[in-house]
PDB file of all heavy atoms in Angstrom:
ATOM      1  N   CYS A   1       0.830  -1.203   0.000  1.00  0.00           N
ATOM      2  CA  CYS A   1       0.000   0.000   0.000  1.00  0.00           C
ATOM      3  C   CYS A   1       0.866   1.255   0.000  1.00  0.00           C
ATOM      4  O   CYS A   1       2.047   1.204   0.325  1.00  0.00           O
ATOM      5  CB  CYS A   1      -0.891   0.034   1.243  1.00  0.00           C
ATOM      6  SG  CYS A   1      -2.395  -0.923   1.118  1.00  0.00           S
ATOM      7  N   LYS A   2       0.251   2.364  -0.333  1.00  0.00           N
ATOM      8  CA  LYS A   2       0.894   3.655  -0.172  1.00  0.00           C
ATOM      9  C   LYS A   2       0.696   4.127   1.262  1.00  0.00           C
ATOM     10  O   LYS A   2      -0.349   3.864   1.866  1.00  0.00           O
ATOM     11  CB  LYS A   2       0.308   4.680  -1.144  1.00  0.00           C
ATOM     12  CG  LYS A   2       0.576   4.364  -2.599  1.00  0.00           C
ATOM     13  CD  LYS A   2      -0.049   5.413  -3.502  1.00  0.00           C
ATOM     14  CE  LYS A   2       0.236   5.108  -4.971  1.00  0.00           C
ATOM     15  NZ  LYS A   2      -0.391   6.118  -5.872  1.00  0.00           N
ATOM     16  N   ALA A   3       1.698   4.829   1.793  1.00  0.00           N
ATOM     17  CA  ALA A   3       1.637   5.303   3.177  1.00  0.00           C
ATOM     18  C   ALA A   3       1.508   6.820   3.220  1.00  0.00           C
ATOM     19  O   ALA A   3       2.095   7.534   2.404  1.00  0.00           O
ATOM     20  CB  ALA A   3       2.885   4.870   3.933  1.00  0.00           C
ATOM     21  N   ALA A   4       0.723   7.298   4.187  1.00  0.00           N
ATOM     22  CA  ALA A   4       0.560   8.734   4.395  1.00  0.00           C
ATOM     23  C   ALA A   4       0.501   9.014   5.892  1.00  0.00           C
ATOM     24  O   ALA A   4       0.085   8.160   6.678  1.00  0.00           O
ATOM     25  CB  ALA A   4      -0.701   9.243   3.715  1.00  0.00           C
ATOM     26  N   LEU A   5       0.912  10.207   6.261  1.00  0.00           N
ATOM     27  CA  LEU A   5       0.838  10.650   7.648  1.00  0.00           C
ATOM     28  C   LEU A   5      -0.117  11.827   7.760  1.00  0.00           C
ATOM     29  O   LEU A   5      -0.188  12.673   6.855  1.00  0.00           O
ATOM     30  CB  LEU A   5       2.212  11.061   8.174  1.00  0.00           C
ATOM     31  CG  LEU A   5       3.111   9.964   8.736  1.00  0.00           C
ATOM     32  CD1 LEU A   5       4.490  10.524   9.062  1.00  0.00           C
ATOM     33  CD2 LEU A   5       2.494   9.319   9.978  1.00  0.00           C
ATOM     34  N   ALA A   6      -0.834  11.888   8.881  1.00  0.00           N
ATOM     35  CA  ALA A   6      -1.760  12.982   9.154  1.00  0.00           C
ATOM     36  C   ALA A   6      -1.293  13.761  10.377  1.00  0.00           C
ATOM     37  O   ALA A   6      -0.717  13.187  11.306  1.00  0.00           O
ATOM     38  CB  ALA A   6      -3.166  12.440   9.394  1.00  0.00           C
ATOM     39  N   VAL A   7      -1.573  15.065  10.362  1.00  0.00           N
ATOM     40  CA  VAL A   7      -1.283  15.912  11.519  1.00  0.00           C
ATOM     41  C   VAL A   7      -2.545  16.666  11.911  1.00  0.00           C
ATOM     42  O   VAL A   7      -3.269  17.194  11.060  1.00  0.00           O
ATOM     43  CB  VAL A   7      -0.134  16.905  11.244  1.00  0.00           C
ATOM     44  CG1 VAL A   7       1.185  16.169  11.081  1.00  0.00           C
ATOM     45  CG2 VAL A   7      -0.397  17.757  10.017  1.00  0.00           C
ATOM     46  N   LYS A   8      -2.805  16.710  13.207  1.00  0.00           N
ATOM     47  CA  LYS A   8      -3.927  17.478  13.728  1.00  0.00           C
ATOM     48  C   LYS A   8      -3.624  18.981  13.602  1.00  0.00           C
ATOM     49  O   LYS A   8      -2.468  19.382  13.426  1.00  0.00           O
ATOM     50  CB  LYS A   8      -4.159  17.135  15.201  1.00  0.00           C
ATOM     51  CG  LYS A   8      -4.604  15.713  15.458  1.00  0.00           C
ATOM     52  CD  LYS A   8      -4.805  15.506  16.963  1.00  0.00           C
ATOM     53  CE  LYS A   8      -5.230  14.099  17.306  1.00  0.00           C
ATOM     54  NZ  LYS A   8      -5.442  13.929  18.765  1.00  0.00           N
ATOM     55  N   PRO A   9      -4.661  19.825  13.737  1.00  0.00           N
ATOM     56  CA  PRO A   9      -4.447  21.274  13.593  1.00  0.00           C
ATOM     57  C   PRO A   9      -3.367  21.837  14.524  1.00  0.00           C
ATOM     58  O   PRO A   9      -2.656  22.767  14.150  1.00  0.00           O
ATOM     59  CB  PRO A   9      -5.824  21.867  13.913  1.00  0.00           C
ATOM     60  CG  PRO A   9      -6.783  20.808  13.475  1.00  0.00           C
ATOM     61  CD  PRO A   9      -6.110  19.504  13.842  1.00  0.00           C
ATOM     62  N   GLY A  10      -3.229  21.278  15.714  1.00  0.00           N
ATOM     63  CA  GLY A  10      -2.268  21.814  16.670  1.00  0.00           C
ATOM     64  C   GLY A  10      -0.879  21.210  16.585  1.00  0.00           C
ATOM     65  O   GLY A  10       0.025  21.603  17.338  1.00  0.00           O
ATOM     66  N   THR A  11      -0.671  20.270  15.672  1.00  0.00           N
ATOM     67  CA  THR A  11       0.620  19.586  15.547  1.00  0.00           C
ATOM     68  C   THR A  11       1.478  20.266  14.483  1.00  0.00           C
ATOM     69  O   THR A  11       1.020  20.459  13.358  1.00  0.00           O
ATOM     70  CB  THR A  11       0.417  18.109  15.161  1.00  0.00           C
ATOM     71  OG1 THR A  11      -0.371  17.466  16.170  1.00  0.00           O
ATOM     72  CG2 THR A  11       1.751  17.394  15.032  1.00  0.00           C
ATOM     73  N   PRO A  12       2.715  20.619  14.812  1.00  0.00           N
ATOM     74  CA  PRO A  12       3.590  21.234  13.808  1.00  0.00           C
ATOM     75  C   PRO A  12       3.808  20.299  12.621  1.00  0.00           C
ATOM     76  O   PRO A  12       4.004  19.102  12.792  1.00  0.00           O
ATOM     77  CB  PRO A  12       4.899  21.471  14.574  1.00  0.00           C
ATOM     78  CG  PRO A  12       4.499  21.509  16.009  1.00  0.00           C
ATOM     79  CD  PRO A  12       3.363  20.544  16.136  1.00  0.00           C
ATOM     80  N   VAL A  13       3.779  20.844  11.418  1.00  0.00           N
ATOM     81  CA  VAL A  13       3.906  20.007  10.225  1.00  0.00           C
ATOM     82  C   VAL A  13       5.303  19.420  10.102  1.00  0.00           C
ATOM     83  O   VAL A  13       5.488  18.368   9.469  1.00  0.00           O
ATOM     84  CB  VAL A  13       3.512  20.800   8.965  1.00  0.00           C
ATOM     85  CG1 VAL A  13       4.605  21.794   8.571  1.00  0.00           C
ATOM     86  CG2 VAL A  13       3.192  19.872   7.808  1.00  0.00           C
ATOM     87  N   ASP A  14       6.300  20.056  10.730  1.00  0.00           N
ATOM     88  CA  ASP A  14       7.658  19.524  10.584  1.00  0.00           C
ATOM     89  C   ASP A  14       7.864  18.203  11.313  1.00  0.00           C
ATOM     90  O   ASP A  14       8.896  17.551  11.142  1.00  0.00           O
ATOM     91  CB  ASP A  14       8.710  20.549  11.005  1.00  0.00           C
ATOM     92  CG  ASP A  14       8.586  21.012  12.440  1.00  0.00           C
ATOM     93  OD1 ASP A  14       7.777  20.441  13.204  1.00  0.00           O
ATOM     94  OD2 ASP A  14       9.308  21.973  12.812  1.00  0.00           O
ATOM     95  N   THR A  15       6.862  17.768  12.081  1.00  0.00           N
ATOM     96  CA  THR A  15       6.963  16.450  12.718  1.00  0.00           C
ATOM     97  C   THR A  15       6.956  15.322  11.693  1.00  0.00           C
ATOM     98  O   THR A  15       7.426  14.218  11.979  1.00  0.00           O
ATOM     99  CB  THR A  15       5.810  16.224  13.713  1.00  0.00           C
ATOM    100  OG1 THR A  15       4.554  16.399  13.037  1.00  0.00           O
ATOM    101  CG2 THR A  15       5.900  17.198  14.882  1.00  0.00           C
ATOM    102  N   VAL A  16       6.441  15.588  10.501  1.00  0.00           N
ATOM    103  CA  VAL A  16       6.419  14.547   9.452  1.00  0.00           C
ATOM    104  C   VAL A  16       7.664  14.580   8.574  1.00  0.00           C
ATOM    105  O   VAL A  16       7.889  13.657   7.787  1.00  0.00           O
ATOM    106  CB  VAL A  16       5.155  14.639   8.566  1.00  0.00           C
ATOM    107  CG1 VAL A  16       3.893  14.647   9.406  1.00  0.00           C
ATOM    108  CG2 VAL A  16       5.202  15.852   7.643  1.00  0.00           C
ATOM    109  N   TYR A  17       8.471  15.612   8.683  1.00  0.00           N
ATOM    110  CA  TYR A  17       9.609  15.780   7.779  1.00  0.00           C
ATOM    111  C   TYR A  17      10.586  14.601   7.769  1.00  0.00           C
ATOM    112  O   TYR A  17      11.093  14.233   6.702  1.00  0.00           O
ATOM    113  CB  TYR A  17      10.364  17.072   8.102  1.00  0.00           C
ATOM    114  CG  TYR A  17       9.648  18.349   7.694  1.00  0.00           C
ATOM    115  CD1 TYR A  17       8.384  18.325   7.097  1.00  0.00           C
ATOM    116  CD2 TYR A  17      10.232  19.592   7.905  1.00  0.00           C
ATOM    117  CE1 TYR A  17       7.730  19.494   6.741  1.00  0.00           C
ATOM    118  CE2 TYR A  17       9.589  20.765   7.542  1.00  0.00           C
ATOM    119  CZ  TYR A  17       8.341  20.715   6.968  1.00  0.00           C
ATOM    120  OH  TYR A  17       7.696  21.877   6.599  1.00  0.00           O
ATOM    121  N   PRO A  18      10.867  13.977   8.921  1.00  0.00           N
ATOM    122  CA  PRO A  18      11.819  12.858   8.889  1.00  0.00           C
ATOM    123  C   PRO A  18      11.348  11.657   8.061  1.00  0.00           C
ATOM    124  O   PRO A  18      12.154  10.774   7.743  1.00  0.00           O
ATOM    125  CB  PRO A  18      11.956  12.478  10.368  1.00  0.00           C
ATOM    126  CG  PRO A  18      11.557  13.693  11.132  1.00  0.00           C
ATOM    127  CD  PRO A  18      10.473  14.304  10.304  1.00  0.00           C
ATOM    128  N   TYR A  19      10.058  11.618   7.717  1.00  0.00           N
ATOM    129  CA  TYR A  19       9.491  10.438   7.053  1.00  0.00           C
ATOM    130  C   TYR A  19       9.092  10.702   5.604  1.00  0.00           C
ATOM    131  O   TYR A  19       8.575   9.809   4.934  1.00  0.00           O
ATOM    132  CB  TYR A  19       8.258   9.962   7.836  1.00  0.00           C
ATOM    133  CG  TYR A  19       8.495   9.876   9.312  1.00  0.00           C
ATOM    134  CD1 TYR A  19       8.030  10.871  10.179  1.00  0.00           C
ATOM    135  CD2 TYR A  19       9.224   8.818   9.860  1.00  0.00           C
ATOM    136  CE1 TYR A  19       8.271  10.801  11.542  1.00  0.00           C
ATOM    137  CE2 TYR A  19       9.469   8.749  11.231  1.00  0.00           C
ATOM    138  CZ  TYR A  19       8.989   9.750  12.053  1.00  0.00           C
ATOM    139  OH  TYR A  19       9.241   9.678  13.406  1.00  0.00           O
ATOM    140  N   LEU A  20       9.334  11.887   5.111  1.00  0.00           N
ATOM    141  CA  LEU A  20       8.814  12.283   3.802  1.00  0.00           C
ATOM    142  C   LEU A  20       9.280  11.393   2.660  1.00  0.00           C
ATOM    143  O   LEU A  20       8.544  11.184   1.695  1.00  0.00           O
ATOM    144  CB  LEU A  20       9.192  13.741   3.512  1.00  0.00           C
ATOM    145  CG  LEU A  20       8.439  14.796   4.334  1.00  0.00           C
ATOM    146  CD1 LEU A  20       9.027  16.175   4.071  1.00  0.00           C
ATOM    147  CD2 LEU A  20       6.949  14.773   4.031  1.00  0.00           C
ATOM    148  N   ASP A  21      10.488  10.854   2.769  1.00  0.00           N
ATOM    149  CA  ASP A  21      11.004  10.032   1.673  1.00  0.00           C
ATOM    150  C   ASP A  21      10.248   8.724   1.504  1.00  0.00           C
ATOM    151  O   ASP A  21      10.347   8.065   0.473  1.00  0.00           O
ATOM    152  CB  ASP A  21      12.495   9.760   1.858  1.00  0.00           C
ATOM    153  CG  ASP A  21      12.807   8.985   3.125  1.00  0.00           C
ATOM    154  OD1 ASP A  21      12.039   9.103   4.102  1.00  0.00           O
ATOM    155  OD2 ASP A  21      13.821   8.264   3.150  1.00  0.00           O
ATOM    156  N   LYS A  22       9.449   8.346   2.513  1.00  0.00           N
ATOM    157  CA  LYS A  22       8.675   7.109   2.446  1.00  0.00           C
ATOM    158  C   LYS A  22       7.191   7.346   2.137  1.00  0.00           C
ATOM    159  O   LYS A  22       6.449   6.388   1.909  1.00  0.00           O
ATOM    160  CB  LYS A  22       8.759   6.348   3.771  1.00  0.00           C
ATOM    161  CG  LYS A  22      10.151   5.879   4.166  1.00  0.00           C
ATOM    162  CD  LYS A  22      10.059   5.118   5.487  1.00  0.00           C
ATOM    163  CE  LYS A  22      11.405   4.578   5.935  1.00  0.00           C
ATOM    164  NZ  LYS A  22      11.283   3.831   7.214  1.00  0.00           N
ATOM    165  N   LEU A  23       6.776   8.606   2.154  1.00  0.00           N
ATOM    166  CA  LEU A  23       5.353   8.911   2.082  1.00  0.00           C
ATOM    167  C   LEU A  23       4.889   9.278   0.683  1.00  0.00           C
ATOM    168  O   LEU A  23       5.595   9.926  -0.078  1.00  0.00           O
ATOM    169  CB  LEU A  23       5.023  10.067   3.030  1.00  0.00           C
ATOM    170  CG  LEU A  23       5.344   9.859   4.515  1.00  0.00           C
ATOM    171  CD1 LEU A  23       5.029  11.140   5.297  1.00  0.00           C
ATOM    172  CD2 LEU A  23       4.572   8.676   5.089  1.00  0.00           C
ATOM    173  N   SER A  24       3.657   8.877   0.376  1.00  0.00           N
ATOM    174  CA  SER A  24       3.013   9.291  -0.871  1.00  0.00           C
ATOM    175  C   SER A  24       2.157  10.535  -0.658  1.00  0.00           C
ATOM    176  O   SER A  24       1.818  11.226  -1.622  1.00  0.00           O
ATOM    177  CB  SER A  24       2.132   8.166  -1.410  1.00  0.00           C
ATOM    178  OG  SER A  24       2.909   7.051  -1.783  1.00  0.00           O
ATOM    179  N   MET A  25       1.815  10.806   0.611  1.00  0.00           N
ATOM    180  CA  MET A  25       0.902  11.918   0.887  1.00  0.00           C
ATOM    181  C   MET A  25       1.033  12.329   2.346  1.00  0.00           C
ATOM    182  O   MET A  25       1.382  11.519   3.209  1.00  0.00           O
ATOM    183  CB  MET A  25      -0.537  11.466   0.582  1.00  0.00           C
ATOM    184  CG  MET A  25      -1.603  12.533   0.732  1.00  0.00           C
ATOM    185  SD  MET A  25      -3.220  11.961   0.103  1.00  0.00           S
ATOM    186  CE  MET A  25      -3.689  10.792   1.408  1.00  0.00           C
ATOM    187  N   VAL A  26       0.768  13.608   2.608  1.00  0.00           N
ATOM    188  CA  VAL A  26       0.614  14.103   3.970  1.00  0.00           C
ATOM    189  C   VAL A  26      -0.763  14.739   4.070  1.00  0.00           C
ATOM    190  O   VAL A  26      -1.164  15.515   3.191  1.00  0.00           O
ATOM    191  CB  VAL A  26       1.708  15.121   4.342  1.00  0.00           C
ATOM    192  CG1 VAL A  26       1.408  15.783   5.683  1.00  0.00           C
ATOM    193  CG2 VAL A  26       3.079  14.446   4.395  1.00  0.00           C
ATOM    194  N   LEU A  27      -1.484  14.387   5.124  1.00  0.00           N
ATOM    195  CA  LEU A  27      -2.808  14.946   5.379  1.00  0.00           C
ATOM    196  C   LEU A  27      -2.705  16.009   6.475  1.00  0.00           C
ATOM    197  O   LEU A  27      -2.304  15.715   7.597  1.00  0.00           O
ATOM    198  CB  LEU A  27      -3.779  13.837   5.815  1.00  0.00           C
ATOM    199  CG  LEU A  27      -5.107  14.256   6.445  1.00  0.00           C
ATOM    200  CD1 LEU A  27      -5.877  15.208   5.561  1.00  0.00           C
ATOM    201  CD2 LEU A  27      -5.941  13.029   6.784  1.00  0.00           C
ATOM    202  N   VAL A  28      -3.052  17.233   6.115  1.00  0.00           N
ATOM    203  CA  VAL A  28      -3.121  18.324   7.087  1.00  0.00           C
ATOM    204  C   VAL A  28      -4.592  18.504   7.465  1.00  0.00           C
ATOM    205  O   VAL A  28      -5.412  18.909   6.633  1.00  0.00           O
ATOM    206  CB  VAL A  28      -2.552  19.624   6.500  1.00  0.00           C
ATOM    207  CG1 VAL A  28      -2.715  20.778   7.497  1.00  0.00           C
ATOM    208  CG2 VAL A  28      -1.071  19.441   6.139  1.00  0.00           C
ATOM    209  N   MET A  29      -4.920  18.173   8.705  1.00  0.00           N
ATOM    210  CA  MET A  29      -6.301  18.295   9.161  1.00  0.00           C
ATOM    211  C   MET A  29      -6.675  19.763   9.291  1.00  0.00           C
ATOM    212  O   MET A  29      -5.956  20.543   9.912  1.00  0.00           O
ATOM    213  CB  MET A  29      -6.487  17.595  10.503  1.00  0.00           C
ATOM    214  CG  MET A  29      -6.316  16.077  10.483  1.00  0.00           C
ATOM    215  SD  MET A  29      -7.566  15.234   9.483  1.00  0.00           S
ATOM    216  CE  MET A  29      -9.086  15.658  10.339  1.00  0.00           C
ATOM    217  N   THR A  30      -7.810  20.124   8.706  1.00  0.00           N
ATOM    218  CA  THR A  30      -8.292  21.491   8.783  1.00  0.00           C
ATOM    219  C   THR A  30      -9.484  21.613   9.736  1.00  0.00           C
ATOM    220  O   THR A  30     -10.169  22.640   9.776  1.00  0.00           O
ATOM    221  CB  THR A  30      -8.668  22.007   7.380  1.00  0.00           C
ATOM    222  OG1 THR A  30      -9.437  21.010   6.679  1.00  0.00           O
ATOM    223  CG2 THR A  30      -7.408  22.284   6.573  1.00  0.00           C
ATOM    224  N   VAL A  31      -9.710  20.556  10.505  1.00  0.00           N
ATOM    225  CA  VAL A  31     -10.614  20.543  11.665  1.00  0.00           C
ATOM    226  C   VAL A  31      -9.996  19.582  12.678  1.00  0.00           C
ATOM    227  O   VAL A  31      -9.086  18.826  12.342  1.00  0.00           O
ATOM    228  CB  VAL A  31     -12.048  20.058  11.329  1.00  0.00           C
ATOM    229  CG1 VAL A  31     -12.722  20.985  10.336  1.00  0.00           C
ATOM    230  CG2 VAL A  31     -12.033  18.623  10.810  1.00  0.00           C
ATOM    231  N   GLU A  32     -10.503  19.594  13.890  1.00  0.00           N
ATOM    232  CA  GLU A  32     -10.083  18.584  14.852  1.00  0.00           C
ATOM    233  C   GLU A  32     -10.707  17.249  14.445  1.00  0.00           C
ATOM    234  O   GLU A  32     -11.903  17.179  14.166  1.00  0.00           O
ATOM    235  CB  GLU A  32     -10.535  18.958  16.269  1.00  0.00           C
ATOM    236  CG  GLU A  32      -9.797  20.140  16.875  1.00  0.00           C
ATOM    237  CD  GLU A  32      -8.320  19.868  17.092  1.00  0.00           C
ATOM    238  OE1 GLU A  32      -7.935  18.679  17.187  1.00  0.00           O
ATOM    239  OE2 GLU A  32      -7.548  20.834  17.181  1.00  0.00           O
TER     240      GLU A  32
END
């Protein structure tokens, strides 16, 4: 499967940066 990471509104987006080379997508939540 393809892998993606999600971040809640209060989570800094740079928390996903260490994993970007493995990800097909990042989900930025625009609600809780």
